[in-house]
N, C-alpha and C. Protein backbone atom coordinates (compact mmCIF):
# COMPACT_ATOMS: atom_id res chain seq x y z
N UNK A 1 10.61 3.96 -4.55
CA UNK A 1 11.52 2.58 -4.17
C UNK A 1 11.39 2.43 -3.01
N UNK A 2 11.03 0.93 -2.79
CA UNK A 2 11.41 0.51 -1.42
C UNK A 2 12.46 -0.46 -1.41
N UNK A 3 13.13 -0.24 -0.46
CA UNK A 3 14.20 -1.43 -0.09
C UNK A 3 13.98 -2.41 0.79
N UNK A 4 13.87 -3.88 0.61
CA UNK A 4 13.98 -4.46 1.66
C UNK A 4 15.04 -5.07 2.28
N UNK A 5 15.17 -5.23 3.25
CA UNK A 5 16.29 -5.65 4.22
C UNK A 5 16.33 -6.68 5.36
N UNK A 6 17.02 -7.74 5.56
CA UNK A 6 16.87 -8.82 6.18
C UNK A 6 18.33 -9.51 6.28
N UNK A 7 18.23 -10.70 7.03
CA UNK A 7 19.66 -11.47 6.85
C UNK A 7 19.14 -12.66 6.69
N UNK A 8 20.20 -13.62 6.19
CA UNK A 8 20.04 -14.74 5.80
C UNK A 8 21.32 -15.79 6.09
N UNK A 9 20.90 -17.03 7.14
CA UNK A 9 21.81 -17.83 7.61
C UNK A 9 22.80 -18.45 6.65
N UNK A 10 23.79 -19.23 6.93
CA UNK A 10 24.14 -19.78 6.17
C UNK A 10 23.97 -21.16 5.72
N UNK A 11 22.84 -21.40 6.11
CA UNK A 11 22.09 -22.72 5.53
C UNK A 11 21.17 -22.31 4.23
N UNK A 12 21.11 -21.13 3.83
CA UNK A 12 20.68 -20.62 2.43
C UNK A 12 21.50 -19.92 1.27
N UNK A 13 21.09 -20.16 0.23
CA UNK A 13 21.95 -19.79 -0.89
C UNK A 13 21.30 -18.60 -1.21
N UNK A 14 22.23 -17.39 -1.35
CA UNK A 14 21.98 -16.32 -1.91
C UNK A 14 21.25 -16.17 -3.50
N UNK A 15 21.58 -17.12 -3.96
CA UNK A 15 20.52 -17.57 -5.37
C UNK A 15 19.26 -17.80 -5.23
N UNK A 16 18.70 -18.21 -4.09
CA UNK A 16 17.73 -18.42 -3.76
C UNK A 16 16.66 -17.15 -3.76
N UNK A 17 17.21 -16.04 -3.12
CA UNK A 17 16.12 -15.01 -3.42
C UNK A 17 16.29 -14.25 -4.64
N UNK A 18 17.03 -13.99 -5.44
CA UNK A 18 16.67 -13.92 -6.75
C UNK A 18 15.98 -14.84 -7.77
N UNK A 19 15.89 -16.22 -7.19
CA UNK A 19 15.18 -17.34 -8.10
C UNK A 19 13.59 -17.03 -7.65
N UNK A 20 13.64 -17.01 -6.45
CA UNK A 20 12.06 -16.55 -6.25
C UNK A 20 11.63 -15.51 -6.52
N UNK A 21 12.17 -14.10 -6.96
CA UNK A 21 11.66 -13.16 -7.03
C UNK A 21 11.16 -13.15 -8.70
N UNK A 22 12.29 -13.93 -9.52
CA UNK A 22 12.07 -13.84 -10.66
C UNK A 22 10.93 -14.96 -11.06
N UNK A 23 10.85 -15.76 -9.87
CA UNK A 23 9.71 -16.55 -10.95
C UNK A 23 8.24 -16.33 -10.50
N UNK A 24 8.46 -14.86 -9.60
CA UNK A 24 7.19 -14.15 -9.76
C UNK A 24 7.28 -13.10 -10.62
N UNK A 25 8.38 -12.82 -11.41
CA UNK A 25 8.30 -11.56 -12.47
C UNK A 25 8.38 -10.53 -11.82
N UNK A 26 9.12 -10.27 -10.87
CA UNK A 26 9.91 -9.42 -10.29
C UNK A 26 11.20 -8.88 -10.29
N UNK A 27 11.26 -7.61 -10.78
CA UNK A 27 12.68 -7.34 -11.30
C UNK A 27 13.23 -5.99 -10.11
N UNK A 28 14.35 -6.54 -9.65
CA UNK A 28 15.26 -5.43 -8.98
C UNK A 28 15.92 -4.43 -9.36
N UNK A 29 15.86 -3.38 -8.69
CA UNK A 29 16.64 -2.28 -9.29
C UNK A 29 17.93 -2.19 -8.61
N UNK A 30 17.96 -2.68 -7.54
CA UNK A 30 19.21 -2.94 -7.29
C UNK A 30 19.47 -3.82 -6.17
N UNK A 31 20.85 -4.18 -5.86
CA UNK A 31 21.01 -5.25 -4.89
C UNK A 31 22.17 -5.70 -4.24
N UNK A 32 22.24 -5.75 -2.71
CA UNK A 32 23.51 -5.57 -2.36
C UNK A 32 23.50 -7.05 -1.08
N UNK A 33 24.54 -7.80 -1.06
CA UNK A 33 24.67 -8.75 -0.19
C UNK A 33 26.39 -8.44 0.52
N UNK A 34 26.04 -8.89 1.39
CA UNK A 34 27.50 -8.65 2.35
C UNK A 34 27.46 -9.54 3.81
N UNK A 35 28.63 -10.07 4.12
CA UNK A 35 28.64 -10.59 5.51
C UNK A 35 28.49 -10.32 6.47
N UNK A 36 28.16 -10.73 7.75
CA UNK A 36 27.86 -10.10 8.67
C UNK A 36 27.94 -11.06 9.97
N UNK A 37 27.81 -11.24 11.19
CA UNK A 37 28.21 -12.09 12.12
C UNK A 37 27.10 -12.66 12.32
N UNK A 38 25.80 -12.39 11.85
CA UNK A 38 24.95 -13.37 11.64
C UNK A 38 24.40 -13.99 10.78
N UNK A 39 25.17 -13.96 9.39
CA UNK A 39 25.07 -14.95 8.40
C UNK A 39 25.30 -13.50 6.98
N UNK A 40 24.52 -13.55 6.19
CA UNK A 40 24.49 -12.42 5.11
C UNK A 40 23.46 -11.41 5.05
N UNK A 41 23.90 -9.99 5.32
CA UNK A 41 22.67 -9.18 5.16
C UNK A 41 22.42 -9.07 3.50
N UNK A 42 20.87 -8.58 3.22
CA UNK A 42 20.68 -8.75 2.02
C UNK A 42 19.71 -7.32 2.00
N UNK A 43 20.16 -6.47 0.82
CA UNK A 43 19.11 -5.25 0.58
C UNK A 43 18.87 -5.56 -1.09
N UNK A 44 17.60 -5.39 -1.05
CA UNK A 44 16.79 -5.44 -2.24
C UNK A 44 16.45 -4.16 -2.53
N UNK A 45 16.12 -3.40 -3.65
CA UNK A 45 15.18 -2.46 -4.06
C UNK A 45 14.02 -2.69 -5.20
N UNK A 46 12.68 -2.83 -4.90
CA UNK A 46 11.92 -2.97 -5.71
C UNK A 46 10.95 -1.95 -6.21
N UNK A 47 10.29 -1.97 -7.02
CA UNK A 47 9.45 -0.96 -7.36
C UNK A 47 8.47 -0.74 -6.12
N UNK A 48 7.76 0.48 -5.55
CA UNK A 48 7.09 0.39 -4.85
C UNK A 48 5.72 -0.85 -4.78
N UNK A 49 5.17 -0.72 -6.28
CA UNK A 49 4.20 -1.37 -6.49
C UNK A 49 4.00 -3.19 -6.25
N UNK A 50 5.75 -3.13 -6.35
CA UNK A 50 6.16 -4.78 -6.47
C UNK A 50 6.50 -5.37 -4.82
N UNK A 51 6.79 -4.18 -4.02
CA UNK A 51 7.32 -4.62 -2.91
C UNK A 51 6.67 -5.85 -2.00
N UNK A 52 5.59 -5.41 -1.74
CA UNK A 52 4.87 -6.10 -0.96
C UNK A 52 4.50 -7.20 -1.59
N UNK A 53 4.65 -7.66 -2.80
CA UNK A 53 4.65 -8.88 -3.45
C UNK A 53 6.03 -10.04 -3.05
N UNK A 54 7.09 -8.82 -3.26
CA UNK A 54 8.66 -9.62 -2.54
C UNK A 54 8.54 -10.02 -1.47
N UNK A 55 7.92 -8.90 -0.28
CA UNK A 55 8.25 -9.77 0.75
C UNK A 55 7.32 -10.76 1.07
N UNK A 56 6.44 -10.64 0.82
CA UNK A 56 5.21 -11.85 0.68
C UNK A 56 5.82 -13.17 0.35
N UNK A 57 6.33 -12.88 -1.10
CA UNK A 57 6.94 -14.27 -1.51
C UNK A 57 8.14 -14.72 -0.71
N UNK A 58 8.92 -13.64 -0.25
CA UNK A 58 9.94 -14.21 0.40
C UNK A 58 9.87 -14.81 1.91
N UNK A 59 9.00 -14.23 2.56
CA UNK A 59 8.16 -14.95 4.04
C UNK A 59 7.79 -16.04 3.42
N UNK A 60 7.21 -16.38 2.80
CA UNK A 60 6.46 -17.40 2.46
C UNK A 60 7.73 -18.75 1.94
N UNK A 61 9.15 -18.39 1.55
CA UNK A 61 9.50 -19.25 1.59
C UNK A 61 11.09 -19.49 2.20
N UNK A 62 10.42 -18.90 3.64
CA UNK A 62 11.03 -19.08 4.60
C UNK A 62 12.09 -17.93 5.45
N UNK A 63 12.43 -16.92 4.50
CA UNK A 63 12.99 -15.54 4.70
C UNK A 63 12.24 -15.16 5.67
N UNK A 64 13.11 -14.57 6.98
CA UNK A 64 12.11 -13.80 7.81
C UNK A 64 12.69 -12.66 8.31
N UNK A 65 12.20 -12.07 9.28
CA UNK A 65 12.49 -10.39 9.55
C UNK A 65 12.69 -9.51 8.53
N UNK A 66 12.02 -9.32 7.30
CA UNK A 66 11.90 -8.64 6.45
C UNK A 66 11.77 -6.96 7.06
N UNK A 67 12.50 -6.04 6.78
CA UNK A 67 12.31 -4.26 7.08
C UNK A 67 12.30 -4.14 5.83
N UNK A 68 11.19 -3.14 5.52
CA UNK A 68 11.10 -2.53 4.39
C UNK A 68 11.00 -1.04 4.62
N UNK A 69 11.59 0.09 3.78
CA UNK A 69 12.01 1.44 4.27
C UNK A 69 12.09 1.98 2.24
N UNK A 70 11.34 3.18 2.61
CA UNK A 70 11.31 3.96 1.49
C UNK A 70 12.75 4.62 1.25
N UNK A 71 13.16 4.36 -0.02
CA UNK A 71 14.85 5.02 -0.56
C UNK A 71 14.24 5.64 -1.81
N UNK A 72 15.30 6.53 -2.41
CA UNK A 72 15.51 7.23 -3.54
C UNK A 72 16.33 6.17 -3.99
N UNK A 73 16.27 6.27 -5.60
CA UNK A 73 16.78 5.87 -6.72
C UNK A 73 17.33 7.17 -7.97
N UNK A 74 18.78 7.29 -7.74
CA UNK A 74 19.20 8.33 -8.49
C UNK A 74 20.28 8.43 -9.43
N UNK A 75 20.36 8.93 -10.88
CA UNK A 75 21.29 8.94 -11.68
C UNK A 75 22.51 9.43 -11.35
N UNK A 76 23.81 8.85 -11.38
CA UNK A 76 24.90 9.58 -10.98
C UNK A 76 26.03 9.50 -12.10
N UNK A 77 26.89 10.29 -12.05
CA UNK A 77 27.86 10.37 -13.51
C UNK A 77 28.87 9.50 -12.83
N UNK A 78 29.27 8.40 -13.53
CA UNK A 78 30.23 7.58 -12.97
C UNK A 78 31.53 8.33 -12.97
N UNK A 79 32.45 8.38 -12.21
CA UNK A 79 33.98 8.71 -12.17
C UNK A 79 34.29 9.21 -10.79
N UNK A 80 35.60 8.91 -10.60
CA UNK A 80 36.22 9.45 -9.37
C UNK A 80 35.34 10.61 -8.63
N UNK A 81 35.34 10.17 -7.52
CA UNK A 81 34.64 11.60 -6.27
C UNK A 81 33.17 12.10 -6.27
N UNK A 82 32.55 11.28 -7.56
CA UNK A 82 31.03 11.73 -7.63
C UNK A 82 30.48 11.01 -6.19
N UNK A 83 30.42 10.01 -6.08
CA UNK A 83 29.60 9.47 -4.52
C UNK A 83 30.13 10.45 -3.55
N UNK A 84 31.60 10.77 -3.39
CA UNK A 84 31.71 11.64 -2.50
C UNK A 84 31.03 13.24 -2.49
N UNK A 85 31.00 13.48 -3.51
CA UNK A 85 30.19 14.87 -3.74
C UNK A 85 28.72 14.77 -3.64
N UNK A 86 28.01 13.80 -4.28
CA UNK A 86 26.65 13.61 -3.67
C UNK A 86 26.56 13.31 -1.93
N UNK A 87 27.17 12.69 -1.70
CA UNK A 87 27.30 12.28 -0.20
C UNK A 87 27.60 13.72 0.58
N UNK A 88 28.11 14.81 0.04
CA UNK A 88 28.60 16.13 0.57
C UNK A 88 27.48 16.69 0.73
N UNK A 89 26.44 17.11 -0.64
CA UNK A 89 25.35 17.91 -0.73
C UNK A 89 24.34 17.22 0.17
N UNK A 90 24.20 15.77 0.24
CA UNK A 90 22.92 15.78 0.81
C UNK A 90 23.72 15.90 2.42
N UNK A 91 24.73 15.90 3.20
CA UNK A 91 25.12 16.14 4.30
C UNK A 91 24.98 17.69 4.86
N UNK A 92 25.16 18.51 3.36
CA UNK A 92 25.11 19.96 3.45
C UNK A 92 23.51 20.45 3.52
N UNK A 93 22.42 19.56 3.37
CA UNK A 93 21.02 19.56 2.90
C UNK A 93 20.72 19.54 4.41
N UNK A 94 21.26 18.93 5.54
CA UNK A 94 21.01 18.75 6.92
C UNK A 94 20.07 17.20 7.03
N UNK A 95 19.74 16.53 5.88
CA UNK A 95 19.80 14.98 5.82
C UNK A 95 20.95 14.18 6.41
N UNK A 96 20.41 13.29 7.38
CA UNK A 96 21.15 12.34 7.74
C UNK A 96 21.38 10.89 6.74
N UNK A 97 22.32 11.00 5.95
CA UNK A 97 22.70 9.59 5.37
C UNK A 97 22.66 8.40 5.75
N UNK A 98 21.82 7.37 5.64
CA UNK A 98 22.24 6.31 6.13
C UNK A 98 22.20 4.90 5.39
N UNK A 99 22.21 5.11 4.22
CA UNK A 99 22.02 3.84 2.98
C UNK A 99 22.81 4.75 1.83
N UNK A 100 23.84 4.35 1.18
CA UNK A 100 23.91 4.96 -0.30
C UNK A 100 24.98 3.48 -0.38
N UNK A 101 24.75 3.11 -2.17
CA UNK A 101 25.06 1.97 -2.66
C UNK A 101 24.48 2.06 -4.26
N UNK A 102 25.58 1.60 -4.99
CA UNK A 102 25.41 1.56 -6.71
C UNK A 102 24.31 1.11 -6.60
N UNK A 103 23.28 1.11 -8.11
CA UNK A 103 22.53 0.30 -8.34
C UNK A 103 22.93 -0.11 -9.90
N UNK A 104 22.08 -0.23 -10.62
CA UNK A 104 22.29 -0.78 -11.97
C UNK A 104 22.38 0.70 -12.89
N UNK A 105 22.82 0.57 -13.99
CA UNK A 105 22.78 1.84 -14.88
C UNK A 105 23.55 3.21 -14.35
N UNK A 106 24.41 2.91 -13.66
CA UNK A 106 25.13 4.03 -12.97
C UNK A 106 24.05 5.10 -12.19
N UNK A 107 23.40 4.34 -11.55
CA UNK A 107 21.96 5.13 -10.47
C UNK A 107 22.81 4.62 -8.58
N UNK A 108 22.43 5.33 -7.91
CA UNK A 108 22.81 4.71 -6.53
C UNK A 108 21.44 4.90 -5.97
N UNK A 109 21.38 4.05 -4.85
CA UNK A 109 20.37 4.05 -3.84
C UNK A 109 20.78 4.46 -2.61
N UNK A 110 19.71 5.59 -2.06
CA UNK A 110 19.94 6.56 -1.11
C UNK A 110 18.73 6.22 -0.38
N UNK A 111 19.07 6.26 1.02
CA UNK A 111 18.51 6.04 2.53
C UNK A 111 18.89 7.23 3.24
N UNK A 112 17.89 7.70 3.99
CA UNK A 112 18.28 8.90 4.58
C UNK A 112 17.14 9.19 5.49
N UNK A 113 17.12 9.86 6.59
CA UNK A 113 16.12 10.21 7.38
C UNK A 113 15.21 11.34 7.16
N UNK A 114 15.71 11.79 6.00
CA UNK A 114 14.64 13.12 5.53
C UNK A 114 14.56 13.04 3.87
N UNK A 115 14.17 12.40 2.95
CA UNK A 115 14.27 11.62 1.66
C UNK A 115 13.35 13.34 1.03
N UNK A 116 12.68 13.87 1.62
CA UNK A 116 12.63 15.08 0.99
C UNK A 116 13.34 16.06 0.88
N UNK A 117 14.29 16.26 1.70
CA UNK A 117 15.26 16.91 1.72
C UNK A 117 16.63 16.44 0.53
N UNK A 118 16.98 15.37 0.72
CA UNK A 118 17.54 14.72 -0.40
C UNK A 118 16.86 14.50 -1.62
N UNK A 119 15.95 14.87 -1.91
CA UNK A 119 15.33 14.80 -3.34
C UNK A 119 15.52 16.31 -4.03
N UNK A 120 15.52 17.67 -2.82
CA UNK A 120 15.81 18.73 -3.18
C UNK A 120 17.27 18.96 -3.53
N UNK A 121 18.03 18.13 -2.94
CA UNK A 121 19.29 17.98 -3.50
C UNK A 121 19.52 17.55 -4.79
N UNK A 122 18.94 16.89 -5.41
CA UNK A 122 19.24 16.04 -6.60
C UNK A 122 18.25 16.55 -7.36
């Protein structure tokens, strides 16, 4: 999976992002938006084969400085403490966790400095 990350200014509506991707028939696996001092941070996870199309479409519509990185999407049992247990297993594997947030259907998005180590934990 590929995660696209970028910042949008206050002059853009977050809805535009999902409208653009929907217009080219791309589905997101996960997405997160949250405020920052520059505007709003956006994270979108797309299937590998569709990530470049998503990036190209967003750039064409004026969204810029889009970073792309590989992430894992894993199933998780919903419940108290599960995210903490997963994060601990990743830390104990030696990988440095840099991204962890929920996705659709009881899954989490995981970004780390060593995704092979993380995959071994999962």
